[in-house]
Amino acid sequence: DHQALADCLRLYGAMQADNGFVRWVSPSLFPFD
């Protein structure tokens, strides 16, 4: 399922904190530590 992984990994990259921490993301697309 490579396309699913590409989309998901890009989502985490887009929501990465400015300091570099890879955050979780809520269903409403709100990132949090």
ModelCIF file with pLDDT and N, C-alpha, C, O atoms, coordinates in Angstrom:
data_MODEL
#
_entry.id   MODEL 
#
_entity.id                         1 
_entity.type                       polymer 
_entity.pdbx_number_of_molecules   1 
#
_entity_poly.entity_id                      1 
_entity_poly.type                           'polypeptide(L)' 
_entity_poly.nstd_linkage                   no 
_entity_poly.nstd_monomer                   no 
_entity_poly.pdbx_seq_one_letter_code       DHQALADCLRLYGAMQADNGFVRWVSPSLFPFD 
_entity_poly.pdbx_seq_one_letter_code_can   DHQALADCLRLYGAMQADNGFVRWVSPSLFPFD 
_entity_poly.pdbx_strand_id                 A 
#
loop_
_entity_poly_seq.entity_id 
_entity_poly_seq.num 
_entity_poly_seq.mon_id 
_entity_poly_seq.hetero 
1 1  ASP n 
1 2  HIS n 
1 3  GLN n 
1 4  ALA n 
1 5  LEU n 
1 6  ALA n 
1 7  ASP n 
1 8  CYS n 
1 9  LEU n 
1 10 ARG n 
1 11 LEU n 
1 12 TYR n 
1 13 GLY n 
1 14 ALA n 
1 15 MET n 
1 16 GLN n 
1 17 ALA n 
1 18 ASP n 
1 19 ASN n 
1 20 GLY n 
1 21 PHE n 
1 22 VAL n 
1 23 ARG n 
1 24 TRP n 
1 25 VAL n 
1 26 SER n 
1 27 PRO n 
1 28 SER n 
1 29 LEU n 
1 30 PHE n 
1 31 PRO n 
1 32 PHE n 
1 33 ASP n 
#
_struct_asym.id          A 
_struct_asym.entity_id   1 
#
loop_
_ma_qa_metric.id 
_ma_qa_metric.mode 
_ma_qa_metric.name 
_ma_qa_metric.software_group_id 
_ma_qa_metric.type 
1 global pLDDT . pLDDT 
2 local  pLDDT . pLDDT 
#
_ma_qa_metric_global.metric_id      1 
_ma_qa_metric_global.metric_value   96.94 
_ma_qa_metric_global.model_id       1 
_ma_qa_metric_global.ordinal_id     1 
#
loop_
_ma_qa_metric_local.label_asym_id 
_ma_qa_metric_local.label_comp_id 
_ma_qa_metric_local.label_seq_id 
_ma_qa_metric_local.metric_id 
_ma_qa_metric_local.metric_value 
_ma_qa_metric_local.model_id 
_ma_qa_metric_local.ordinal_id 
A ASP 1  2 97.00 1 1  
A HIS 2  2 98.00 1 2  
A GLN 3  2 97.00 1 3  
A ALA 4  2 97.00 1 4  
A LEU 5  2 97.00 1 5  
A ALA 6  2 98.00 1 6  
A ASP 7  2 98.00 1 7  
A CYS 8  2 97.00 1 8  
A LEU 9  2 98.00 1 9  
A ARG 10 2 98.00 1 10 
A LEU 11 2 98.00 1 11 
A TYR 12 2 98.00 1 12 
A GLY 13 2 98.00 1 13 
A ALA 14 2 97.00 1 14 
A MET 15 2 98.00 1 15 
A GLN 16 2 98.00 1 16 
A ALA 17 2 98.00 1 17 
A ASP 18 2 98.00 1 18 
A ASN 19 2 98.00 1 19 
A GLY 20 2 98.00 1 20 
A PHE 21 2 98.00 1 21 
A VAL 22 2 98.00 1 22 
A ARG 23 2 97.00 1 23 
A TRP 24 2 96.00 1 24 
A VAL 25 2 97.00 1 25 
A SER 26 2 95.00 1 26 
A PRO 27 2 92.00 1 27 
A SER 28 2 93.00 1 28 
A LEU 29 2 95.00 1 29 
A PHE 30 2 96.00 1 30 
A PRO 31 2 97.00 1 31 
A PHE 32 2 96.00 1 32 
A ASP 33 2 95.00 1 33 
#
loop_
_atom_site.group_PDB 
_atom_site.id 
_atom_site.type_symbol 
_atom_site.label_atom_id 
_atom_site.label_alt_id 
_atom_site.label_comp_id 
_atom_site.label_asym_id 
_atom_site.label_entity_id 
_atom_site.label_seq_id 
_atom_site.pdbx_PDB_ins_code 
_atom_site.Cartn_x 
_atom_site.Cartn_y 
_atom_site.Cartn_z 
_atom_site.occupancy 
_atom_site.B_iso_or_equiv 
_atom_site.pdbx_formal_charge 
_atom_site.auth_seq_id 
_atom_site.auth_comp_id 
_atom_site.auth_asym_id 
_atom_site.auth_atom_id 
_atom_site.pdbx_PDB_model_num 
ATOM 1   N N  . ASP A 1 1  ? 0.832  -1.207 0.000  1.00 97.00 ? 1  ASP A N  1 
ATOM 2   C CA . ASP A 1 1  ? 0.000  0.000  0.000  1.00 97.00 ? 1  ASP A CA 1 
ATOM 3   C C  . ASP A 1 1  ? 0.869  1.259  0.000  1.00 97.00 ? 1  ASP A C  1 
ATOM 4   O O  . ASP A 1 1  ? 0.835  2.041  0.951  1.00 97.00 ? 1  ASP A O  1 
ATOM 5   N N  . HIS A 1 2  ? 1.626  1.448  -1.041 1.00 98.00 ? 2  HIS A N  1 
ATOM 6   C CA . HIS A 1 2  ? 2.631  2.512  -1.052 1.00 98.00 ? 2  HIS A CA 1 
ATOM 7   C C  . HIS A 1 2  ? 2.029  3.903  -1.195 1.00 98.00 ? 2  HIS A C  1 
ATOM 8   O O  . HIS A 1 2  ? 2.544  4.852  -0.604 1.00 98.00 ? 2  HIS A O  1 
ATOM 9   N N  . GLN A 1 3  ? 0.965  4.049  -1.956 1.00 97.00 ? 3  GLN A N  1 
ATOM 10  C CA . GLN A 1 3  ? 0.374  5.377  -2.091 1.00 97.00 ? 3  GLN A CA 1 
ATOM 11  C C  . GLN A 1 3  ? -0.218 5.852  -0.776 1.00 97.00 ? 3  GLN A C  1 
ATOM 12  O O  . GLN A 1 3  ? -0.115 7.028  -0.429 1.00 97.00 ? 3  GLN A O  1 
ATOM 13  N N  . ALA A 1 4  ? -0.839 4.935  -0.046 1.00 97.00 ? 4  ALA A N  1 
ATOM 14  C CA . ALA A 1 4  ? -1.368 5.288  1.272  1.00 97.00 ? 4  ALA A CA 1 
ATOM 15  C C  . ALA A 1 4  ? -0.252 5.769  2.186  1.00 97.00 ? 4  ALA A C  1 
ATOM 16  O O  . ALA A 1 4  ? -0.429 6.731  2.934  1.00 97.00 ? 4  ALA A O  1 
ATOM 17  N N  . LEU A 1 5  ? 0.914  5.095  2.128  1.00 97.00 ? 5  LEU A N  1 
ATOM 18  C CA . LEU A 1 5  ? 2.045  5.506  2.960  1.00 97.00 ? 5  LEU A CA 1 
ATOM 19  C C  . LEU A 1 5  ? 2.601  6.841  2.511  1.00 97.00 ? 5  LEU A C  1 
ATOM 20  O O  . LEU A 1 5  ? 2.963  7.672  3.345  1.00 97.00 ? 5  LEU A O  1 
ATOM 21  N N  . ALA A 1 6  ? 2.676  7.062  1.208  1.00 98.00 ? 6  ALA A N  1 
ATOM 22  C CA . ALA A 1 6  ? 3.189  8.343  0.716  1.00 98.00 ? 6  ALA A CA 1 
ATOM 23  C C  . ALA A 1 6  ? 2.326  9.487  1.220  1.00 98.00 ? 6  ALA A C  1 
ATOM 24  O O  . ALA A 1 6  ? 2.845  10.503 1.683  1.00 98.00 ? 6  ALA A O  1 
ATOM 25  N N  . ASP A 1 7  ? 1.011  9.327  1.133  1.00 98.00 ? 7  ASP A N  1 
ATOM 26  C CA . ASP A 1 7  ? 0.101  10.374 1.594  1.00 98.00 ? 7  ASP A CA 1 
ATOM 27  C C  . ASP A 1 7  ? 0.271  10.621 3.091  1.00 98.00 ? 7  ASP A C  1 
ATOM 28  O O  . ASP A 1 7  ? 0.327  11.766 3.539  1.00 98.00 ? 7  ASP A O  1 
ATOM 29  N N  . CYS A 1 8  ? 0.352  9.529  3.859  1.00 97.00 ? 8  CYS A N  1 
ATOM 30  C CA . CYS A 1 8  ? 0.424  9.656  5.314  1.00 97.00 ? 8  CYS A CA 1 
ATOM 31  C C  . CYS A 1 8  ? 1.746  10.281 5.747  1.00 97.00 ? 8  CYS A C  1 
ATOM 32  O O  . CYS A 1 8  ? 1.758  11.146 6.623  1.00 97.00 ? 8  CYS A O  1 
ATOM 33  N N  . LEU A 1 9  ? 2.851  9.861  5.156  1.00 98.00 ? 9  LEU A N  1 
ATOM 34  C CA . LEU A 1 9  ? 4.145  10.427 5.523  1.00 98.00 ? 9  LEU A CA 1 
ATOM 35  C C  . LEU A 1 9  ? 4.243  11.893 5.131  1.00 98.00 ? 9  LEU A C  1 
ATOM 36  O O  . LEU A 1 9  ? 4.868  12.683 5.838  1.00 98.00 ? 9  LEU A O  1 
ATOM 37  N N  . ARG A 1 10 ? 3.632  12.264 4.012  1.00 98.00 ? 10 ARG A N  1 
ATOM 38  C CA . ARG A 1 10 ? 3.595  13.682 3.637  1.00 98.00 ? 10 ARG A CA 1 
ATOM 39  C C  . ARG A 1 10 ? 2.747  14.488 4.624  1.00 98.00 ? 10 ARG A C  1 
ATOM 40  O O  . ARG A 1 10 ? 3.071  15.636 4.927  1.00 98.00 ? 10 ARG A O  1 
ATOM 41  N N  . LEU A 1 11 ? 1.663  13.888 5.127  1.00 98.00 ? 11 LEU A N  1 
ATOM 42  C CA . LEU A 1 11 ? 0.828  14.562 6.116  1.00 98.00 ? 11 LEU A CA 1 
ATOM 43  C C  . LEU A 1 11 ? 1.647  14.894 7.362  1.00 98.00 ? 11 LEU A C  1 
ATOM 44  O O  . LEU A 1 11 ? 1.600  16.018 7.860  1.00 98.00 ? 11 LEU A O  1 
ATOM 45  N N  . TYR A 1 12 ? 2.401  13.906 7.864  1.00 98.00 ? 12 TYR A N  1 
ATOM 46  C CA . TYR A 1 12 ? 3.238  14.163 9.032  1.00 98.00 ? 12 TYR A CA 1 
ATOM 47  C C  . TYR A 1 12 ? 4.278  15.229 8.740  1.00 98.00 ? 12 TYR A C  1 
ATOM 48  O O  . TYR A 1 12 ? 4.569  16.067 9.593  1.00 98.00 ? 12 TYR A O  1 
ATOM 49  N N  . GLY A 1 13 ? 4.844  15.202 7.534  1.00 98.00 ? 13 GLY A N  1 
ATOM 50  C CA . GLY A 1 13 ? 5.818  16.215 7.171  1.00 98.00 ? 13 GLY A CA 1 
ATOM 51  C C  . GLY A 1 13 ? 5.215  17.610 7.135  1.00 98.00 ? 13 GLY A C  1 
ATOM 52  O O  . GLY A 1 13 ? 5.837  18.582 7.565  1.00 98.00 ? 13 GLY A O  1 
ATOM 53  N N  . ALA A 1 14 ? 3.992  17.696 6.614  1.00 97.00 ? 14 ALA A N  1 
ATOM 54  C CA . ALA A 1 14 ? 3.323  18.995 6.540  1.00 97.00 ? 14 ALA A CA 1 
ATOM 55  C C  . ALA A 1 14 ? 2.986  19.530 7.925  1.00 97.00 ? 14 ALA A C  1 
ATOM 56  O O  . ALA A 1 14 ? 2.963  20.743 8.133  1.00 97.00 ? 14 ALA A O  1 
ATOM 57  N N  . MET A 1 15 ? 2.725  18.636 8.871  1.00 98.00 ? 15 MET A N  1 
ATOM 58  C CA . MET A 1 15 ? 2.328  19.026 10.214 1.00 98.00 ? 15 MET A CA 1 
ATOM 59  C C  . MET A 1 15 ? 3.498  19.054 11.196 1.00 98.00 ? 15 MET A C  1 
ATOM 60  O O  . MET A 1 15 ? 3.293  19.251 12.394 1.00 98.00 ? 15 MET A O  1 
ATOM 61  N N  . GLN A 1 16 ? 4.716  18.860 10.704 1.00 98.00 ? 16 GLN A N  1 
ATOM 62  C CA . GLN A 1 16 ? 5.895  18.883 11.568 1.00 98.00 ? 16 GLN A CA 1 
ATOM 63  C C  . GLN A 1 16 ? 6.039  20.234 12.261 1.00 98.00 ? 16 GLN A C  1 
ATOM 64  O O  . GLN A 1 16 ? 5.817  21.281 11.651 1.00 98.00 ? 16 GLN A O  1 
ATOM 65  N N  . ALA A 1 17 ? 6.409  20.203 13.528 1.00 98.00 ? 17 ALA A N  1 
ATOM 66  C CA . ALA A 1 17 ? 6.611  21.448 14.268 1.00 98.00 ? 17 ALA A CA 1 
ATOM 67  C C  . ALA A 1 17 ? 7.814  22.199 13.715 1.00 98.00 ? 17 ALA A C  1 
ATOM 68  O O  . ALA A 1 17 ? 8.697  21.607 13.093 1.00 98.00 ? 17 ALA A O  1 
ATOM 69  N N  . ASP A 1 18 ? 7.841  23.497 13.945 1.00 98.00 ? 18 ASP A N  1 
ATOM 70  C CA . ASP A 1 18 ? 8.950  24.309 13.457 1.00 98.00 ? 18 ASP A CA 1 
ATOM 71  C C  . ASP A 1 18 ? 10.292 23.851 14.019 1.00 98.00 ? 18 ASP A C  1 
ATOM 72  O O  . ASP A 1 18 ? 11.330 24.019 13.379 1.00 98.00 ? 18 ASP A O  1 
ATOM 73  N N  . ASN A 1 19 ? 10.263 23.274 15.216 1.00 98.00 ? 19 ASN A N  1 
ATOM 74  C CA . ASN A 1 19 ? 11.515 22.827 15.831 1.00 98.00 ? 19 ASN A CA 1 
ATOM 75  C C  . ASN A 1 19 ? 11.968 21.461 15.326 1.00 98.00 ? 19 ASN A C  1 
ATOM 76  O O  . ASN A 1 19 ? 13.055 20.998 15.674 1.00 98.00 ? 19 ASN A O  1 
ATOM 77  N N  . GLY A 1 20 ? 11.131 20.806 14.497 1.00 98.00 ? 20 GLY A N  1 
ATOM 78  C CA . GLY A 1 20 ? 11.500 19.530 13.912 1.00 98.00 ? 20 GLY A CA 1 
ATOM 79  C C  . GLY A 1 20 ? 10.758 18.334 14.460 1.00 98.00 ? 20 GLY A C  1 
ATOM 80  O O  . GLY A 1 20 ? 10.816 17.261 13.859 1.00 98.00 ? 20 GLY A O  1 
ATOM 81  N N  . PHE A 1 21 ? 10.052 18.474 15.592 1.00 98.00 ? 21 PHE A N  1 
ATOM 82  C CA . PHE A 1 21 ? 9.326  17.363 16.202 1.00 98.00 ? 21 PHE A CA 1 
ATOM 83  C C  . PHE A 1 21 ? 8.187  16.910 15.284 1.00 98.00 ? 21 PHE A C  1 
ATOM 84  O O  . PHE A 1 21 ? 7.437  17.733 14.759 1.00 98.00 ? 21 PHE A O  1 
ATOM 85  N N  . VAL A 1 22 ? 8.066  15.594 15.097 1.00 98.00 ? 22 VAL A N  1 
ATOM 86  C CA . VAL A 1 22 ? 6.991  15.042 14.278 1.00 98.00 ? 22 VAL A CA 1 
ATOM 87  C C  . VAL A 1 22 ? 5.789  14.792 15.182 1.00 98.00 ? 22 VAL A C  1 
ATOM 88  O O  . VAL A 1 22 ? 5.828  13.943 16.072 1.00 98.00 ? 22 VAL A O  1 
ATOM 89  N N  . ARG A 1 23 ? 4.734  15.540 14.938 1.00 97.00 ? 23 ARG A N  1 
ATOM 90  C CA . ARG A 1 23 ? 3.587  15.573 15.843 1.00 97.00 ? 23 ARG A CA 1 
ATOM 91  C C  . ARG A 1 23 ? 2.495  14.598 15.408 1.00 97.00 ? 23 ARG A C  1 
ATOM 92  O O  . ARG A 1 23 ? 2.500  14.083 14.290 1.00 97.00 ? 23 ARG A O  1 
ATOM 93  N N  . TRP A 1 24 ? 1.569  14.366 16.318 1.00 96.00 ? 24 TRP A N  1 
ATOM 94  C CA . TRP A 1 24 ? 0.330  13.691 15.982 1.00 96.00 ? 24 TRP A CA 1 
ATOM 95  C C  . TRP A 1 24 ? -0.632 14.715 15.371 1.00 96.00 ? 24 TRP A C  1 
ATOM 96  O O  . TRP A 1 24 ? -0.434 15.924 15.496 1.00 96.00 ? 24 TRP A O  1 
ATOM 97  N N  . VAL A 1 25 ? -1.671 14.210 14.711 1.00 97.00 ? 25 VAL A N  1 
ATOM 98  C CA . VAL A 1 25 ? -2.603 15.092 14.021 1.00 97.00 ? 25 VAL A CA 1 
ATOM 99  C C  . VAL A 1 25 ? -4.028 14.625 14.324 1.00 97.00 ? 25 VAL A C  1 
ATOM 100 O O  . VAL A 1 25 ? -4.340 13.439 14.218 1.00 97.00 ? 25 VAL A O  1 
ATOM 101 N N  . SER A 1 26 ? -4.878 15.565 14.698 1.00 95.00 ? 26 SER A N  1 
ATOM 102 C CA . SER A 1 26 ? -6.271 15.239 15.001 1.00 95.00 ? 26 SER A CA 1 
ATOM 103 C C  . SER A 1 26 ? -7.063 15.060 13.711 1.00 95.00 ? 26 SER A C  1 
ATOM 104 O O  . SER A 1 26 ? -6.591 15.450 12.643 1.00 95.00 ? 26 SER A O  1 
ATOM 105 N N  . PRO A 1 27 ? -8.275 14.470 13.789 1.00 92.00 ? 27 PRO A N  1 
ATOM 106 C CA . PRO A 1 27 ? -9.116 14.356 12.593 1.00 92.00 ? 27 PRO A CA 1 
ATOM 107 C C  . PRO A 1 27 ? -9.455 15.706 11.965 1.00 92.00 ? 27 PRO A C  1 
ATOM 108 O O  . PRO A 1 27 ? -9.730 15.784 10.767 1.00 92.00 ? 27 PRO A O  1 
ATOM 109 N N  . SER A 1 28 ? -9.435 16.766 12.771 1.00 93.00 ? 28 SER A N  1 
ATOM 110 C CA . SER A 1 28 ? -9.691 18.106 12.236 1.00 93.00 ? 28 SER A CA 1 
ATOM 111 C C  . SER A 1 28 ? -8.420 18.760 11.696 1.00 93.00 ? 28 SER A C  1 
ATOM 112 O O  . SER A 1 28 ? -8.400 19.953 11.391 1.00 93.00 ? 28 SER A O  1 
ATOM 113 N N  . LEU A 1 29 ? -7.340 17.942 11.583 1.00 95.00 ? 29 LEU A N  1 
ATOM 114 C CA . LEU A 1 29 ? -6.050 18.394 11.054 1.00 95.00 ? 29 LEU A CA 1 
ATOM 115 C C  . LEU A 1 29 ? -5.409 19.459 11.937 1.00 95.00 ? 29 LEU A C  1 
ATOM 116 O O  . LEU A 1 29 ? -4.847 20.441 11.453 1.00 95.00 ? 29 LEU A O  1 
ATOM 117 N N  . PHE A 1 30 ? -5.509 19.235 13.247 1.00 96.00 ? 30 PHE A N  1 
ATOM 118 C CA . PHE A 1 30 ? -4.808 20.071 14.220 1.00 96.00 ? 30 PHE A CA 1 
ATOM 119 C C  . PHE A 1 30 ? -3.635 19.272 14.773 1.00 96.00 ? 30 PHE A C  1 
ATOM 120 O O  . PHE A 1 30 ? -3.858 18.246 15.414 1.00 96.00 ? 30 PHE A O  1 
ATOM 121 N N  . PRO A 1 31 ? -2.389 19.703 14.550 1.00 97.00 ? 31 PRO A N  1 
ATOM 122 C CA . PRO A 1 31 ? -1.237 18.953 15.061 1.00 97.00 ? 31 PRO A CA 1 
ATOM 123 C C  . PRO A 1 31 ? -1.003 19.234 16.537 1.00 97.00 ? 31 PRO A C  1 
ATOM 124 O O  . PRO A 1 31 ? -1.223 20.348 17.012 1.00 97.00 ? 31 PRO A O  1 
ATOM 125 N N  . PHE A 1 32 ? -0.552 18.203 17.260 1.00 96.00 ? 32 PHE A N  1 
ATOM 126 C CA . PHE A 1 32 ? -0.277 18.385 18.683 1.00 96.00 ? 32 PHE A CA 1 
ATOM 127 C C  . PHE A 1 32 ? 0.867  17.461 19.096 1.00 96.00 ? 32 PHE A C  1 
ATOM 128 O O  . PHE A 1 32 ? 1.108  16.429 18.470 1.00 96.00 ? 32 PHE A O  1 
ATOM 129 N N  . ASP A 1 33 ? 1.563  17.850 20.157 1.00 95.00 ? 33 ASP A N  1 
ATOM 130 C CA . ASP A 1 33 ? 2.698  17.065 20.647 1.00 95.00 ? 33 ASP A CA 1 
ATOM 131 C C  . ASP A 1 33 ? 2.192  15.903 21.490 1.00 95.00 ? 33 ASP A C  1 
ATOM 132 O O  . ASP A 1 33 ? 2.990  15.117 21.999 1.00 95.00 ? 33 ASP A O  1 
#
